[in-house]
Amino acid sequence: SSQSQEKTWIAKADLHNDSSPLSVGTLTFTQANVVGSPVRVTGTLTNLEPNTRYHGFHVHMFALPDGIWDCSQAGAHWNPYETTHGGRNDPTERRHVGDLGNIWYLFYIVSSSSLSY
């Protein structure tokens, strides 16, 4: 008998504030290889200024070249459907799927989180 085994796609990203080589965390993106399945984002944030509000959280089209810390060099926000900006909870037909919303860093401690998109 044949067994079907579901594959999972995994990608990791190091996070940086624009123009800074200091890493503020690592995220892991996980998605089952099934059309329309959600992407789960997990990770840990550090080195952000305490009690700062609303850090933009988005995915660019390209990786930055080594030693370059300017997000404008990574291309536009990932937007395969050529839509306008929208909120994280808006349907994909009404937002860039690379726009993941804002995060609010509350304390000067490690902040771990898990979100699904």
C-alpha atoms as a PDB file:
ATOM      1  CA  SER A   1       0.000   0.000   0.000  1.00  0.00           C
ATOM      2  CA  SER A   2       1.103   3.527  -0.744  1.00  0.00           C
ATOM      3  CA  GLN A   3       1.357   6.084   2.035  1.00  0.00           C
ATOM      4  CA  SER A   4       0.920   9.777   1.293  1.00  0.00           C
ATOM      5  CA  GLN A   5       3.338  11.894   3.267  1.00  0.00           C
ATOM      6  CA  GLU A   6       2.596  15.618   3.620  1.00  0.00           C
ATOM      7  CA  LYS A   7       5.609  17.836   2.997  1.00  0.00           C
ATOM      8  CA  THR A   8       6.211  21.028   4.921  1.00  0.00           C
ATOM      9  CA  TRP A   9       8.043  24.108   3.651  1.00  0.00           C
ATOM     10  CA  ILE A  10      10.293  25.881   6.147  1.00  0.00           C
ATOM     11  CA  ALA A  11      12.192  29.173   5.805  1.00  0.00           C
ATOM     12  CA  LYS A  12      14.178  31.129   8.395  1.00  0.00           C
ATOM     13  CA  ALA A  13      14.925  34.851   8.485  1.00  0.00           C
ATOM     14  CA  ASP A  14      17.182  36.988  10.645  1.00  0.00           C
ATOM     15  CA  LEU A  15      15.575  40.295  11.610  1.00  0.00           C
ATOM     16  CA  HIS A  16      17.292  43.675  11.613  1.00  0.00           C
ATOM     17  CA  ASN A  17      16.204  47.255  12.118  1.00  0.00           C
ATOM     18  CA  ASP A  18      16.894  49.187   8.938  1.00  0.00           C
ATOM     19  CA  SER A  19      20.527  50.316   8.642  1.00  0.00           C
ATOM     20  CA  SER A  20      21.697  48.195  11.593  1.00  0.00           C
ATOM     21  CA  PRO A  21      23.769  45.002  11.517  1.00  0.00           C
ATOM     22  CA  LEU A  22      22.518  44.133  15.050  1.00  0.00           C
ATOM     23  CA  SER A  23      20.118  41.189  14.833  1.00  0.00           C
ATOM     24  CA  VAL A  24      16.841  41.660  16.696  1.00  0.00           C
ATOM     25  CA  GLY A  25      15.731  38.065  16.314  1.00  0.00           C
ATOM     26  CA  THR A  26      15.056  35.100  14.100  1.00  0.00           C
ATOM     27  CA  LEU A  27      11.749  33.964  12.635  1.00  0.00           C
ATOM     28  CA  THR A  28      10.756  30.610  11.208  1.00  0.00           C
ATOM     29  CA  PHE A  29       8.045  30.417   8.538  1.00  0.00           C
ATOM     30  CA  THR A  30       6.340  27.018   8.214  1.00  0.00           C
ATOM     31  CA  GLN A  31       3.656  25.949   5.729  1.00  0.00           C
ATOM     32  CA  ALA A  32       2.221  22.582   4.756  1.00  0.00           C
ATOM     33  CA  ASN A  33       2.584  21.830   1.047  1.00  0.00           C
ATOM     34  CA  VAL A  34      -1.176  22.191   0.539  1.00  0.00           C
ATOM     35  CA  VAL A  35      -2.708  24.992  -1.543  1.00  0.00           C
ATOM     36  CA  GLY A  36      -4.205  27.652   0.719  1.00  0.00           C
ATOM     37  CA  SER A  37      -2.716  26.347   3.951  1.00  0.00           C
ATOM     38  CA  PRO A  38      -1.719  29.076   6.437  1.00  0.00           C
ATOM     39  CA  VAL A  39       1.852  30.139   7.082  1.00  0.00           C
ATOM     40  CA  ARG A  40       2.858  29.850  10.731  1.00  0.00           C
ATOM     41  CA  VAL A  41       5.420  32.407  11.894  1.00  0.00           C
ATOM     42  CA  THR A  42       7.315  31.688  15.111  1.00  0.00           C
ATOM     43  CA  GLY A  43      10.303  33.411  16.579  1.00  0.00           C
ATOM     44  CA  THR A  44      12.082  35.332  19.269  1.00  0.00           C
ATOM     45  CA  LEU A  45      12.787  39.070  19.378  1.00  0.00           C
ATOM     46  CA  THR A  46      15.585  40.742  21.350  1.00  0.00           C
ATOM     47  CA  ASN A  47      17.563  43.989  21.266  1.00  0.00           C
ATOM     48  CA  LEU A  48      14.595  46.266  20.578  1.00  0.00           C
ATOM     49  CA  GLU A  49      14.170  49.482  22.519  1.00  0.00           C
ATOM     50  CA  PRO A  50      11.818  48.775  25.466  1.00  0.00           C
ATOM     51  CA  ASN A  51       8.224  49.970  25.360  1.00  0.00           C
ATOM     52  CA  THR A  52       8.446  51.054  21.732  1.00  0.00           C
ATOM     53  CA  ARG A  53       5.317  50.968  19.677  1.00  0.00           C
ATOM     54  CA  TYR A  54       4.611  49.458  16.343  1.00  0.00           C
ATOM     55  CA  HIS A  55       7.563  48.073  14.523  1.00  0.00           C
ATOM     56  CA  GLY A  56       6.560  47.376  10.909  1.00  0.00           C
ATOM     57  CA  PHE A  57       6.750  43.673  10.179  1.00  0.00           C
ATOM     58  CA  HIS A  58       7.024  42.695   6.519  1.00  0.00           C
ATOM     59  CA  VAL A  59       8.746  40.437   4.013  1.00  0.00           C
ATOM     60  CA  HIS A  60      10.723  41.880   1.086  1.00  0.00           C
ATOM     61  CA  MET A  61      11.088  40.263  -2.320  1.00  0.00           C
ATOM     62  CA  PHE A  62      14.845  39.654  -2.079  1.00  0.00           C
ATOM     63  CA  ALA A  63      17.485  38.861   0.517  1.00  0.00           C
ATOM     64  CA  LEU A  64      19.935  41.633   1.333  1.00  0.00           C
ATOM     65  CA  PRO A  65      23.478  41.257   0.023  1.00  0.00           C
ATOM     66  CA  ASP A  66      26.070  40.525   2.723  1.00  0.00           C
ATOM     67  CA  GLY A  67      27.029  43.645   4.657  1.00  0.00           C
ATOM     68  CA  ILE A  68      24.109  45.752   3.351  1.00  0.00           C
ATOM     69  CA  TRP A  69      21.609  46.864   6.025  1.00  0.00           C
ATOM     70  CA  ASP A  70      19.242  49.029   3.969  1.00  0.00           C
ATOM     71  CA  CYS A  71      15.856  47.404   3.392  1.00  0.00           C
ATOM     72  CA  SER A  72      15.311  49.452   0.210  1.00  0.00           C
ATOM     73  CA  GLN A  73      18.002  47.208  -1.313  1.00  0.00           C
ATOM     74  CA  ALA A  74      15.765  44.155  -0.731  1.00  0.00           C
ATOM     75  CA  GLY A  75      13.119  45.242  -3.228  1.00  0.00           C
ATOM     76  CA  ALA A  76       9.461  45.913  -2.588  1.00  0.00           C
ATOM     77  CA  HIS A  77       7.308  44.152  -0.024  1.00  0.00           C
ATOM     78  CA  TRP A  78       6.399  40.693  -1.268  1.00  0.00           C
ATOM     79  CA  ASN A  79       3.183  41.258  -3.241  1.00  0.00           C
ATOM     80  CA  PRO A  80       2.553  38.436  -5.748  1.00  0.00           C
ATOM     81  CA  TYR A  81      -1.080  39.517  -6.334  1.00  0.00           C
ATOM     82  CA  GLU A  82      -0.205  43.207  -6.982  1.00  0.00           C
ATOM     83  CA  THR A  83      -2.680  44.507  -4.407  1.00  0.00           C
ATOM     84  CA  THR A  84      -2.705  47.623  -2.222  1.00  0.00           C
ATOM     85  CA  HIS A  85      -1.707  47.831   1.434  1.00  0.00           C
ATOM     86  CA  GLY A  86      -4.067  46.349   3.996  1.00  0.00           C
ATOM     87  CA  GLY A  87      -4.146  44.922   7.486  1.00  0.00           C
ATOM     88  CA  ARG A  88      -2.879  41.498   8.537  1.00  0.00           C
ATOM     89  CA  ASN A  89      -6.446  40.225   8.899  1.00  0.00           C
ATOM     90  CA  ASP A  90      -7.639  41.513   5.507  1.00  0.00           C
ATOM     91  CA  PRO A  91      -8.105  38.877   2.795  1.00  0.00           C
ATOM     92  CA  THR A  92      -5.080  38.372   0.533  1.00  0.00           C
ATOM     93  CA  GLU A  93      -6.953  39.940  -2.376  1.00  0.00           C
ATOM     94  CA  ARG A  94      -6.929  43.239  -0.446  1.00  0.00           C
ATOM     95  CA  ARG A  95      -3.384  43.398   0.963  1.00  0.00           C
ATOM     96  CA  HIS A  96       0.245  42.655   0.252  1.00  0.00           C
ATOM     97  CA  VAL A  97       0.758  39.158   1.610  1.00  0.00           C
ATOM     98  CA  GLY A  98       4.258  40.303   2.589  1.00  0.00           C
ATOM     99  CA  ASP A  99       2.778  42.884   4.998  1.00  0.00           C
ATOM    100  CA  LEU A 100       2.446  41.065   8.294  1.00  0.00           C
ATOM    101  CA  GLY A 101       1.190  43.958  10.405  1.00  0.00           C
ATOM    102  CA  ASN A 102       2.898  45.748  13.270  1.00  0.00           C
ATOM    103  CA  ILE A 103       4.372  44.424  16.484  1.00  0.00           C
ATOM    104  CA  TRP A 104       4.590  46.292  19.770  1.00  0.00           C
ATOM    105  CA  TYR A 105       7.628  45.543  21.910  1.00  0.00           C
ATOM    106  CA  LEU A 106       6.526  45.987  25.517  1.00  0.00           C
ATOM    107  CA  PHE A 107       9.458  45.110  27.749  1.00  0.00           C
ATOM    108  CA  TYR A 108      13.213  44.899  27.683  1.00  0.00           C
ATOM    109  CA  ILE A 109      13.070  41.117  27.743  1.00  0.00           C
ATOM    110  CA  VAL A 110      13.031  38.403  25.152  1.00  0.00           C
ATOM    111  CA  SER A 111       9.668  38.342  23.430  1.00  0.00           C
ATOM    112  CA  SER A 112       8.527  35.096  21.798  1.00  0.00           C
ATOM    113  CA  SER A 113       5.468  34.795  19.635  1.00  0.00           C
ATOM    114  CA  SER A 114       3.643  32.602  17.179  1.00  0.00           C
ATOM    115  CA  LEU A 115       1.192  33.854  14.537  1.00  0.00           C
ATOM    116  CA  SER A 116      -0.625  32.244  11.624  1.00  0.00           C
ATOM    117  CA  TYR A 117      -1.373  34.074   8.363  1.00  0.00           C
END
